PDB file of N, CA and C in Angstrom:
ATOM      1  N   MET A   1       0.851  -0.904  -0.043  1.00  0.00           N
ATOM      2  CA  MET A   1      -0.270   0.079   0.354  1.00  0.00           C
ATOM      3  C   MET A   1       1.041   0.907   0.126  1.00  0.00           C
ATOM      4  N   SER A   2       0.541   2.011  -0.247  1.00  0.00           N
ATOM      5  CA  SER A   2       1.298   3.265  -1.019  1.00  0.00           C
ATOM      6  C   SER A   2       0.255   4.643   0.014  1.00  0.00           C
ATOM      7  N   LEU A   3       2.083   4.948   0.702  1.00  0.00           N
ATOM      8  CA  LEU A   3       1.605   6.718   1.766  1.00  0.00           C
ATOM      9  C   LEU A   3       0.574   6.999   1.058  1.00  0.00           C
ATOM     10  N   SER A   4       0.647   7.242  -0.394  1.00  0.00           N
ATOM     11  CA  SER A   4      -0.427   7.933  -0.733  1.00  0.00           C
ATOM     12  C   SER A   4      -2.571   8.067   0.170  1.00  0.00           C
ATOM     13  N   LYS A   5      -2.319   7.032   0.039  1.00  0.00           N
ATOM     14  CA  LYS A   5      -3.994   5.366   0.387  1.00  0.00           C
ATOM     15  C   LYS A   5      -4.251   6.514   2.270  1.00  0.00           C
ATOM     16  N   LEU A   6      -3.472   6.204   2.545  1.00  0.00           N
ATOM     17  CA  LEU A   6      -3.876   6.266   4.112  1.00  0.00           C
ATOM     18  C   LEU A   6      -3.245   7.607   4.485  1.00  0.00           C
ATOM     19  N   ARG A   7      -4.321   8.233   5.330  1.00  0.00           N
ATOM     20  CA  ARG A   7      -3.752   9.972   6.102  1.00  0.00           C
ATOM     21  C   ARG A   7      -4.399   9.250   7.279  1.00  0.00           C
ATOM     22  N   LYS A   8      -4.404  10.081   8.314  1.00  0.00           N
ATOM     23  CA  LYS A   8      -3.566  10.536   9.391  1.00  0.00           C
ATOM     24  C   LYS A   8      -5.554  10.886  10.252  1.00  0.00           C
ATOM     25  N   GLY A   9      -5.597   9.012  10.801  1.00  0.00           N
ATOM     26  CA  GLY A   9      -7.034   8.921  10.951  1.00  0.00           C
ATOM     27  C   GLY A   9      -7.617   7.613  10.826  1.00  0.00           C
ATOM     28  N   ASP A  10      -7.094   7.215   9.801  1.00  0.00           N
ATOM     29  CA  ASP A  10      -7.771   6.219   9.119  1.00  0.00           C
ATOM     30  C   ASP A  10      -7.602   5.792   9.981  1.00  0.00           C
ATOM     31  N   ILE A  11      -9.025   4.097   9.880  1.00  0.00           N
ATOM     32  CA  ILE A  11      -8.812   2.936  10.695  1.00  0.00           C
ATOM     33  C   ILE A  11      -7.983   1.697   9.303  1.00  0.00           C
ATOM     34  N   VAL A  12      -6.764   1.280  10.560  1.00  0.00           N
ATOM     35  CA  VAL A  12      -6.075   0.267   9.391  1.00  0.00           C
ATOM     36  C   VAL A  12      -5.935  -0.509  10.106  1.00  0.00           C
ATOM     37  N   LYS A  13      -6.004  -2.333  10.041  1.00  0.00           N
ATOM     38  CA  LYS A  13      -5.579  -3.647  10.412  1.00  0.00           C
ATOM     39  C   LYS A  13      -4.110  -3.716  10.113  1.00  0.00           C
ATOM     40  N   VAL A  14      -2.726  -4.200  10.764  1.00  0.00           N
ATOM     41  CA  VAL A  14      -2.054  -5.068  10.687  1.00  0.00           C
ATOM     42  C   VAL A  14      -2.155  -6.217   9.920  1.00  0.00           C
ATOM     43  N   LEU A  15      -1.342  -6.784   9.337  1.00  0.00           N
ATOM     44  CA  LEU A  15      -1.682  -7.710   8.321  1.00  0.00           C
ATOM     45  C   LEU A  15      -0.065  -9.289   8.569  1.00  0.00           C
ATOM     46  N   SER A  16       0.704  -8.182   9.195  1.00  0.00           N
ATOM     47  CA  SER A  16       2.185  -8.883   9.163  1.00  0.00           C
ATOM     48  C   SER A  16       2.520  -8.295  10.809  1.00  0.00           C
ATOM     49  N   GLY A  17       4.199  -9.640  11.456  1.00  0.00           N
ATOM     50  CA  GLY A  17       4.505  -8.765  12.501  1.00  0.00           C
ATOM     51  C   GLY A  17       3.825  -9.836  14.094  1.00  0.00           C
ATOM     52  N   LYS A  18       4.431  -8.950  14.572  1.00  0.00           N
ATOM     53  CA  LYS A  18       4.249  -9.080  16.166  1.00  0.00           C
ATOM     54  C   LYS A  18       2.647  -9.559  16.495  1.00  0.00           C
ATOM     55  N   ASP A  19       1.793  -7.930  15.610  1.00  0.00           N
ATOM     56  CA  ASP A  19       0.767  -7.704  16.643  1.00  0.00           C
ATOM     57  C   ASP A  19      -0.229  -7.927  15.239  1.00  0.00           C
ATOM     58  N   LYS A  20       0.559  -8.972  14.262  1.00  0.00           N
ATOM     59  CA  LYS A  20      -0.859  -9.096  13.581  1.00  0.00           C
ATOM     60  C   LYS A  20      -2.387  -9.100  13.681  1.00  0.00           C
ATOM     61  N   GLY A  21      -3.419  -8.760  13.179  1.00  0.00           N
ATOM     62  CA  GLY A  21      -4.405  -8.479  14.069  1.00  0.00           C
ATOM     63  C   GLY A  21      -5.168  -7.845  14.497  1.00  0.00           C
ATOM     64  N   LYS A  22      -4.120  -6.478  14.908  1.00  0.00           N
ATOM     65  CA  LYS A  22      -4.588  -5.809  15.897  1.00  0.00           C
ATOM     66  C   LYS A  22      -5.480  -4.284  14.677  1.00  0.00           C
ATOM     67  N   THR A  23      -6.333  -4.152  15.717  1.00  0.00           N
ATOM     68  CA  THR A  23      -7.063  -3.047  14.189  1.00  0.00           C
ATOM     69  C   THR A  23      -5.868  -0.991  15.507  1.00  0.00           C
ATOM     70  N   GLY A  24      -6.066  -0.006  14.702  1.00  0.00           N
ATOM     71  CA  GLY A  24      -5.778   0.950  15.462  1.00  0.00           C
ATOM     72  C   GLY A  24      -5.694   2.309  14.020  1.00  0.00           C
ATOM     73  N   LYS A  25      -5.956   3.393  15.319  1.00  0.00           N
ATOM     74  CA  LYS A  25      -5.979   4.393  14.098  1.00  0.00           C
ATOM     75  C   LYS A  25      -4.860   4.756  13.822  1.00  0.00           C
ATOM     76  N   VAL A  26      -4.671   5.341  12.630  1.00  0.00           N
ATOM     77  CA  VAL A  26      -3.325   5.891  12.165  1.00  0.00           C
ATOM     78  C   VAL A  26      -3.018   7.319  13.091  1.00  0.00           C
ATOM     79  N   LEU A  27      -1.836   7.598  13.746  1.00  0.00           N
ATOM     80  CA  LEU A  27      -1.840   8.811  14.354  1.00  0.00           C
ATOM     81  C   LEU A  27      -0.959   9.359  13.566  1.00  0.00           C
ATOM     82  N   THR A  28       0.675   9.231  12.899  1.00  0.00           N
ATOM     83  CA  THR A  28       1.700   9.623  12.594  1.00  0.00           C
ATOM     84  C   THR A  28       1.924   9.137  11.368  1.00  0.00           C
ATOM     85  N   ILE A  29       2.280   9.864  10.197  1.00  0.00           N
ATOM     86  CA  ILE A  29       2.799   8.745   8.425  1.00  0.00           C
ATOM     87  C   ILE A  29       3.886   9.547   7.809  1.00  0.00           C
ATOM     88  N   ILE A  30       4.683   9.142   8.807  1.00  0.00           N
ATOM     89  CA  ILE A  30       6.453   8.989   7.996  1.00  0.00           C
ATOM     90  C   ILE A  30       7.362   8.749   6.396  1.00  0.00           C
ATOM     91  N   PRO A  31       6.447   9.887   5.487  1.00  0.00           N
ATOM     92  CA  PRO A  31       7.164   9.539   4.819  1.00  0.00           C
ATOM     93  C   PRO A  31       8.041   8.933   4.040  1.00  0.00           C
ATOM     94  N   GLU A  32       8.981  10.034   4.725  1.00  0.00           N
ATOM     95  CA  GLU A  32      10.709   9.434   4.519  1.00  0.00           C
ATOM     96  C   GLU A  32      10.588   8.224   4.425  1.00  0.00           C
ATOM     97  N   GLU A  33      10.027   7.931   5.420  1.00  0.00           N
ATOM     98  CA  GLU A  33      11.154   5.410   5.763  1.00  0.00           C
ATOM     99  C   GLU A  33       9.740   4.607   5.597  1.00  0.00           C
ATOM    100  N   ASP A  34       8.531   5.220   5.542  1.00  0.00           N
ATOM    101  CA  ASP A  34       7.105   5.045   4.078  1.00  0.00           C
ATOM    102  C   ASP A  34       7.147   3.414   5.827  1.00  0.00           C
ATOM    103  N   ARG A  35       7.281   4.550   7.233  1.00  0.00           N
ATOM    104  CA  ARG A  35       5.833   4.155   8.570  1.00  0.00           C
ATOM    105  C   ARG A  35       5.189   5.097   8.261  1.00  0.00           C
ATOM    106  N   ILE A  36       4.525   4.526   9.080  1.00  0.00           N
ATOM    107  CA  ILE A  36       3.254   4.991  10.013  1.00  0.00           C
ATOM    108  C   ILE A  36       3.736   4.033  11.702  1.00  0.00           C
ATOM    109  N   VAL A  37       2.833   5.028  12.106  1.00  0.00           N
ATOM    110  CA  VAL A  37       2.055   5.148  13.406  1.00  0.00           C
ATOM    111  C   VAL A  37       0.762   4.385  14.121  1.00  0.00           C
ATOM    112  N   ILE A  38       1.009   3.349  14.178  1.00  0.00           N
ATOM    113  CA  ILE A  38      -0.949   3.004  14.577  1.00  0.00           C
ATOM    114  C   ILE A  38      -1.525   2.776  15.926  1.00  0.00           C
ATOM    115  N   GLU A  39      -2.088   4.293  16.555  1.00  0.00           N
ATOM    116  CA  GLU A  39      -2.777   3.537  17.713  1.00  0.00           C
ATOM    117  C   GLU A  39      -2.610   2.302  19.227  1.00  0.00           C
ATOM    118  N   LYS A  40      -2.139   2.337  20.314  1.00  0.00           N
ATOM    119  CA  LYS A  40      -2.044   1.352  21.243  1.00  0.00           C
ATOM    120  C   LYS A  40      -0.909  -0.317  19.904  1.00  0.00           C
ATOM    121  N   VAL A  41      -0.552  -0.043  18.801  1.00  0.00           N
ATOM    122  CA  VAL A  41      -0.102  -1.568  18.226  1.00  0.00           C
ATOM    123  C   VAL A  41       1.609  -0.793  17.932  1.00  0.00           C
ATOM    124  N   ASN A  42       2.316  -2.173  18.919  1.00  0.00           N
ATOM    125  CA  ASN A  42       3.596  -1.738  18.770  1.00  0.00           C
ATOM    126  C   ASN A  42       4.107  -0.717  19.609  1.00  0.00           C
ATOM    127  N   LEU A  43       3.784  -1.206  21.220  1.00  0.00           N
ATOM    128  CA  LEU A  43       4.263  -0.339  21.483  1.00  0.00           C
ATOM    129  C   LEU A  43       5.473  -0.865  22.549  1.00  0.00           C
ATOM    130  N   ILE A  44       6.344  -0.324  22.210  1.00  0.00           N
ATOM    131  CA  ILE A  44       8.293   0.192  22.760  1.00  0.00           C
ATOM    132  C   ILE A  44       8.064   0.365  24.006  1.00  0.00           C
ATOM    133  N   LYS A  45       8.898   0.314  25.180  1.00  0.00           N
ATOM    134  CA  LYS A  45       9.296   0.541  26.234  1.00  0.00           C
ATOM    135  C   LYS A  45      10.213   1.781  26.225  1.00  0.00           C
ATOM    136  N   LYS A  46       9.813   2.670  26.838  1.00  0.00           N
ATOM    137  CA  LYS A  46      11.054   3.591  26.057  1.00  0.00           C
ATOM    138  C   LYS A  46      11.762   4.336  28.196  1.00  0.00           C
ATOM    139  N   HIS A  47      12.795   3.531  28.341  1.00  0.00           N
ATOM    140  CA  HIS A  47      14.341   4.387  29.739  1.00  0.00           C
ATOM    141  C   HIS A  47      13.839   6.043  29.584  1.00  0.00           C
ATOM    142  N   LYS A  48      12.785   6.426  30.444  1.00  0.00           N
ATOM    143  CA  LYS A  48      12.812   8.155  30.883  1.00  0.00           C
ATOM    144  C   LYS A  48      13.611   9.090  31.478  1.00  0.00           C
ATOM    145  N   LYS A  49      14.376  10.152  31.890  1.00  0.00           N
ATOM    146  CA  LYS A  49      15.164  10.226  32.521  1.00  0.00           C
ATOM    147  C   LYS A  49      14.541  11.520  33.471  1.00  0.00           C
ATOM    148  N   PRO A  50      14.234  11.057  34.637  1.00  0.00           N
ATOM    149  CA  PRO A  50      13.565  13.189  35.170  1.00  0.00           C
ATOM    150  C   PRO A  50      14.162  14.200  34.889  1.00  0.00           C
ATOM    151  N   ASP A  51      13.628  14.550  34.872  1.00  0.00           N
ATOM    152  CA  ASP A  51      13.404  16.035  34.359  1.00  0.00           C
ATOM    153  C   ASP A  51      13.022  17.688  35.561  1.00  0.00           C
ATOM    154  N   GLN A  52      13.060  18.518  35.239  1.00  0.00           N
ATOM    155  CA  GLN A  52      11.470  19.627  36.064  1.00  0.00           C
ATOM    156  C   GLN A  52      10.476  19.115  35.175  1.00  0.00           C
ATOM    157  N   LYS A  53      10.151  18.970  34.666  1.00  0.00           N
ATOM    158  CA  LYS A  53       8.914  19.332  34.516  1.00  0.00           C
ATOM    159  C   LYS A  53       8.171  17.533  34.996  1.00  0.00           C
ATOM    160  N   GLY A  54       8.900  16.098  35.519  1.00  0.00           N
ATOM    161  CA  GLY A  54       8.084  15.197  35.567  1.00  0.00           C
ATOM    162  C   GLY A  54       9.108  14.569  35.937  1.00  0.00           C
ATOM    163  N   LYS A  55       8.966  12.791  36.824  1.00  0.00           N
ATOM    164  CA  LYS A  55       9.381  12.518  36.885  1.00  0.00           C
ATOM    165  C   LYS A  55       9.269  11.334  35.880  1.00  0.00           C
ATOM    166  N   GLY A  56      10.838  10.311  36.181  1.00  0.00           N
ATOM    167  CA  GLY A  56      11.795   9.590  35.319  1.00  0.00           C
ATOM    168  C   GLY A  56      10.837   8.303  35.133  1.00  0.00           C
ATOM    169  N   GLY A  57      10.641   7.273  33.978  1.00  0.00           N
ATOM    170  CA  GLY A  57      10.290   5.690  34.202  1.00  0.00           C
ATOM    171  C   GLY A  57      10.475   5.599  33.427  1.00  0.00           C
ATOM    172  N   ILE A  58      10.213   4.329  33.686  1.00  0.00           N
ATOM    173  CA  ILE A  58       9.484   3.495  31.932  1.00  0.00           C
ATOM    174  C   ILE A  58       8.804   4.380  31.414  1.00  0.00           C
ATOM    175  N   VAL A  59       7.992   4.641  29.974  1.00  0.00           N
ATOM    176  CA  VAL A  59       7.516   4.821  29.172  1.00  0.00           C
ATOM    177  C   VAL A  59       6.968   3.421  28.390  1.00  0.00           C
ATOM    178  N   GLU A  60       6.323   3.829  28.917  1.00  0.00           N
ATOM    179  CA  GLU A  60       5.561   2.615  27.779  1.00  0.00           C
ATOM    180  C   GLU A  60       4.618   3.912  25.701  1.00  0.00           C
ATOM    181  N   LYS A  61       5.482   3.505  24.958  1.00  0.00           N
ATOM    182  CA  LYS A  61       4.497   4.982  23.909  1.00  0.00           C
ATOM    183  C   LYS A  61       4.537   3.632  22.208  1.00  0.00           C
ATOM    184  N   GLU A  62       4.245   4.071  21.732  1.00  0.00           N
ATOM    185  CA  GLU A  62       4.044   3.770  20.458  1.00  0.00           C
ATOM    186  C   GLU A  62       5.245   3.607  19.265  1.00  0.00           C
ATOM    187  N   GLY A  63       5.396   2.263  18.418  1.00  0.00           N
ATOM    188  CA  GLY A  63       6.686   2.451  17.566  1.00  0.00           C
ATOM    189  C   GLY A  63       5.746   2.166  16.509  1.00  0.00           C
ATOM    190  N   SER A  64       6.877   2.873  15.385  1.00  0.00           N
ATOM    191  CA  SER A  64       6.233   2.667  14.371  1.00  0.00           C
ATOM    192  C   SER A  64       7.104   1.585  13.182  1.00  0.00           C
ATOM    193  N   ILE A  65       5.104   0.650  12.292  1.00  0.00           N
ATOM    194  CA  ILE A  65       5.345   0.256  11.550  1.00  0.00           C
ATOM    195  C   ILE A  65       6.048  -0.109  10.316  1.00  0.00           C
ATOM    196  N   HIS A  66       6.317  -0.962   9.515  1.00  0.00           N
ATOM    197  CA  HIS A  66       6.556  -0.846   8.114  1.00  0.00           C
ATOM    198  C   HIS A  66       4.522  -0.578   7.597  1.00  0.00           C
ATOM    199  N   ILE A  67       5.309   0.205   6.382  1.00  0.00           N
ATOM    200  CA  ILE A  67       3.223   0.757   5.324  1.00  0.00           C
ATOM    201  C   ILE A  67       3.462  -0.365   4.343  1.00  0.00           C
ATOM    202  N   SER A  68       3.522  -1.533   4.237  1.00  0.00           N
ATOM    203  CA  SER A  68       3.539  -2.255   3.846  1.00  0.00           C
ATOM    204  C   SER A  68       2.644  -3.713   4.138  1.00  0.00           C
ATOM    205  N   ASN A  69       2.865  -3.430   5.585  1.00  0.00           N
ATOM    206  CA  ASN A  69       2.551  -4.001   6.403  1.00  0.00           C
ATOM    207  C   ASN A  69       0.968  -4.731   7.641  1.00  0.00           C
ATOM    208  N   VAL A  70       0.303  -3.051   6.976  1.00  0.00           N
ATOM    209  CA  VAL A  70      -1.099  -2.943   8.035  1.00  0.00           C
ATOM    210  C   VAL A  70      -2.141  -2.774   6.277  1.00  0.00           C
ATOM    211  N   GLY A  71      -3.341  -2.799   6.546  1.00  0.00           N
ATOM    212  CA  GLY A  71      -4.164  -2.498   5.560  1.00  0.00           C
ATOM    213  C   GLY A  71      -5.438  -1.605   6.043  1.00  0.00           C
ATOM    214  N   LEU A  72      -5.683  -1.454   5.361  1.00  0.00           N
ATOM    215  CA  LEU A  72      -7.300  -0.302   5.488  1.00  0.00           C
ATOM    216  C   LEU A  72      -7.871  -1.188   5.491  1.00  0.00           C
ATOM    217  N   ILE A  73      -9.234  -0.732   6.945  1.00  0.00           N
ATOM    218  CA  ILE A  73     -11.070  -1.264   6.734  1.00  0.00           C
ATOM    219  C   ILE A  73     -11.578  -0.469   5.654  1.00  0.00           C
ATOM    220  N   CYS A  74     -12.704  -1.159   5.230  1.00  0.00           N
ATOM    221  CA  CYS A  74     -13.915  -0.245   4.586  1.00  0.00           C
ATOM    222  C   CYS A  74     -14.664  -0.508   5.166  1.00  0.00           C
ATOM    223  N   ASN A  75     -15.311   0.610   5.531  1.00  0.00           N
ATOM    224  CA  ASN A  75     -16.961   0.709   6.790  1.00  0.00           C
ATOM    225  C   ASN A  75     -17.558  -0.808   6.221  1.00  0.00           C
ATOM    226  N   LYS A  76     -17.904  -1.269   4.795  1.00  0.00           N
ATOM    227  CA  LYS A  76     -18.641  -1.605   4.433  1.00  0.00           C
ATOM    228  C   LYS A  76     -18.258  -2.499   4.048  1.00  0.00           C
ATOM    229  N   CYS A  77     -17.439  -4.169   3.814  1.00  0.00           N
ATOM    230  CA  CYS A  77     -16.059  -4.804   4.040  1.00  0.00           C
ATOM    231  C   CYS A  77     -16.626  -5.187   5.176  1.00  0.00           C
ATOM    232  N   ASN A  78     -16.231  -4.752   6.080  1.00  0.00           N
ATOM    233  CA  ASN A  78     -15.422  -4.555   7.408  1.00  0.00           C
ATOM    234  C   ASN A  78     -13.665  -5.265   7.511  1.00  0.00           C
ATOM    235  N   THR A  79     -13.203  -5.107   6.754  1.00  0.00           N
ATOM    236  CA  THR A  79     -12.421  -5.672   6.535  1.00  0.00           C
ATOM    237  C   THR A  79     -10.905  -4.755   5.885  1.00  0.00           C
ATOM    238  N   ALA A  80      -9.497  -5.613   5.805  1.00  0.00           N
ATOM    239  CA  ALA A  80      -9.183  -5.292   5.562  1.00  0.00           C
ATOM    240  C   ALA A  80      -8.703  -5.234   4.182  1.00  0.00           C
ATOM    241  N   VAL A  81      -8.625  -4.313   3.427  1.00  0.00           N
ATOM    242  CA  VAL A  81      -8.914  -3.841   1.701  1.00  0.00           C
ATOM    243  C   VAL A  81      -7.407  -3.437   0.649  1.00  0.00           C
ATOM    244  N   ARG A  82      -8.152  -3.707   0.137  1.00  0.00           N
ATOM    245  CA  ARG A  82      -6.878  -2.847  -1.583  1.00  0.00           C
ATOM    246  C   ARG A  82      -8.055  -1.880  -1.301  1.00  0.00           C
ATOM    247  N   ILE A  83      -7.114  -0.246  -2.263  1.00  0.00           N
ATOM    248  CA  ILE A  83      -7.484   0.777  -2.891  1.00  0.00           C
ATOM    249  C   ILE A  83      -7.299   1.031  -3.578  1.00  0.00           C
ATOM    250  N   LYS A  84      -8.334   1.588  -4.599  1.00  0.00           N
ATOM    251  CA  LYS A  84      -8.126   2.363  -5.526  1.00  0.00           C
ATOM    252  C   LYS A  84      -9.073   3.310  -6.168  1.00  0.00           C
ATOM    253  N   SER A  85      -7.926   4.013  -6.319  1.00  0.00           N
ATOM    254  CA  SER A  85      -8.545   6.196  -6.117  1.00  0.00           C
ATOM    255  C   SER A  85      -9.602   6.099  -7.866  1.00  0.00           C
ATOM    256  N   LYS A  86     -10.323   7.020  -7.772  1.00  0.00           N
ATOM    257  CA  LYS A  86     -11.511   6.840  -8.602  1.00  0.00           C
ATOM    258  C   LYS A  86     -11.956   8.643  -8.470  1.00  0.00           C
ATOM    259  N   ILE A  87     -12.181   9.270  -9.550  1.00  0.00           N
ATOM    260  CA  ILE A  87     -12.583  11.009  -9.823  1.00  0.00           C
ATOM    261  C   ILE A  87     -13.743  10.329 -10.224  1.00  0.00           C
ATOM    262  N   LEU A  88     -14.577  11.328  -9.356  1.00  0.00           N
ATOM    263  CA  LEU A  88     -15.418  11.550  -9.761  1.00  0.00           C
ATOM    264  C   LEU A  88     -16.246  12.405 -10.669  1.00  0.00           C
ATOM    265  N   GLU A  89     -17.800  12.755 -11.216  1.00  0.00           N
ATOM    266  CA  GLU A  89     -17.763  13.415 -11.907  1.00  0.00           C
ATOM    267  C   GLU A  89     -17.703  15.444 -11.457  1.00  0.00           C
ATOM    268  N   ASP A  90     -17.759  15.177 -10.520  1.00  0.00           N
ATOM    269  CA  ASP A  90     -17.274  16.799 -10.203  1.00  0.00           C
ATOM    270  C   ASP A  90     -15.530  16.552 -10.381  1.00  0.00           C
ATOM    271  N   GLY A  91     -15.447  16.197 -10.621  1.00  0.00           N
ATOM    272  CA  GLY A  91     -13.556  16.296 -10.465  1.00  0.00           C
ATOM    273  C   GLY A  91     -13.030  16.306  -9.508  1.00  0.00           C
ATOM    274  N   LYS A  92     -13.901  15.163  -8.048  1.00  0.00           N
ATOM    275  CA  LYS A  92     -13.182  14.962  -7.054  1.00  0.00           C
ATOM    276  C   LYS A  92     -12.564  13.575  -7.210  1.00  0.00           C
ATOM    277  N   LYS A  93     -11.067  13.764  -6.256  1.00  0.00           N
ATOM    278  CA  LYS A  93     -10.882  12.190  -6.109  1.00  0.00           C
ATOM    279  C   LYS A  93     -10.954  11.513  -4.899  1.00  0.00           C
ATOM    280  N   VAL A  94     -11.225   9.893  -5.218  1.00  0.00           N
ATOM    281  CA  VAL A  94     -11.721   9.362  -3.546  1.00  0.00           C
ATOM    282  C   VAL A  94     -10.642   8.264  -4.345  1.00  0.00           C
ATOM    283  N   ARG A  95     -11.513   7.872  -2.669  1.00  0.00           N
ATOM    284  CA  ARG A  95     -10.769   6.949  -2.131  1.00  0.00           C
ATOM    285  C   ARG A  95     -11.705   5.660  -2.384  1.00  0.00           C
ATOM    286  N   VAL A  96     -11.943   4.056  -2.746  1.00  0.00           N
ATOM    287  CA  VAL A  96     -12.426   3.883  -2.792  1.00  0.00           C
ATOM    288  C   VAL A  96     -12.511   2.174  -2.711  1.00  0.00           C
ATOM    289  N   CYS A  97     -13.398   1.220  -2.368  1.00  0.00           N
ATOM    290  CA  CYS A  97     -13.074   0.036  -1.565  1.00  0.00           C
ATOM    291  C   CYS A  97     -12.664  -0.379  -2.638  1.00  0.00           C
ATOM    292  N   SER A  98     -11.783  -1.395  -3.122  1.00  0.00           N
ATOM    293  CA  SER A  98     -11.404  -3.554  -4.188  1.00  0.00           C
ATOM    294  C   SER A  98     -12.810  -3.889  -4.502  1.00  0.00           C
ATOM    295  N   LYS A  99     -13.031  -4.772  -3.345  1.00  0.00           N
ATOM    296  CA  LYS A  99     -14.031  -5.119  -3.335  1.00  0.00           C
ATOM    297  C   LYS A  99     -15.368  -4.846  -3.440  1.00  0.00           C
ATOM    298  N   CYS A 100     -16.201  -3.966  -2.734  1.00  0.00           N
ATOM    299  CA  CYS A 100     -17.599  -3.057  -2.793  1.00  0.00           C
ATOM    300  C   CYS A 100     -17.568  -2.568  -3.455  1.00  0.00           C
ATOM    301  N   ASN A 101     -16.332  -1.707  -4.193  1.00  0.00           N
ATOM    302  CA  ASN A 101     -16.178  -0.454  -5.204  1.00  0.00           C
ATOM    303  C   ASN A 101     -17.038   0.895  -3.476  1.00  0.00           C
ATOM    304  N   ASP A 102     -17.469   0.613  -3.638  1.00  0.00           N
ATOM    305  CA  ASP A 102     -17.970   1.912  -2.065  1.00  0.00           C
ATOM    306  C   ASP A 102     -16.751   2.903  -1.341  1.00  0.00           C
ATOM    307  N   VAL A 103     -17.406   3.444  -2.079  1.00  0.00           N
ATOM    308  CA  VAL A 103     -16.177   5.505  -1.988  1.00  0.00           C
ATOM    309  C   VAL A 103     -16.346   5.474  -0.284  1.00  0.00           C
ATOM    310  N   ILE A 104     -14.861   5.177  -0.098  1.00  0.00           N
ATOM    311  CA  ILE A 104     -14.391   5.061   1.746  1.00  0.00           C
ATOM    312  C   ILE A 104     -13.804   6.605   2.113  1.00  0.00           C
ATOM    313  N   ASN A 105     -14.405   6.565   3.874  1.00  0.00           N
ATOM    314  CA  ASN A 105     -14.891   7.998   4.067  1.00  0.00           C
ATOM    315  C   ASN A 105     -13.446   8.691   4.614  1.00  0.00           C
ATOM    316  N   VAL A 106     -13.782  10.129   3.511  1.00  0.00           N
ATOM    317  CA  VAL A 106     -12.390  10.834   3.752  1.00  0.00           C
ATOM    318  C   VAL A 106     -12.376  11.370   5.425  1.00  0.00           C
ATOM    319  N   GLY A 107     -11.125  11.003   5.491  1.00  0.00           N
ATOM    320  CA  GLY A 107     -10.865  12.109   7.371  1.00  0.00           C
ATOM    321  C   GLY A 107     -10.807  10.658   8.095  1.00  0.00           C
TER     322      GLY A 107
END
């Protein structure tokens, strides 16, 4: 799946790796590395030193995973699907599910 087909806020499903089968919302996209960060997926532990703002300790945060390991979830099919682009009559370009040809919600 290319980066242009996924957007921040989309619901995706992890297709391979240690978190296979989990779903979550896209938090950030890192286009130069072809990676994305998904909410509550690929949690890593980071050791944080105490500073003036707060105390230290072990903090859990989301790590990035490669874009090829995720699939966008279609609202109608309710499964991870491939996406194709379609230009409507008014000239607007939209994302379309390749299984059911339903327009995928924007945002």
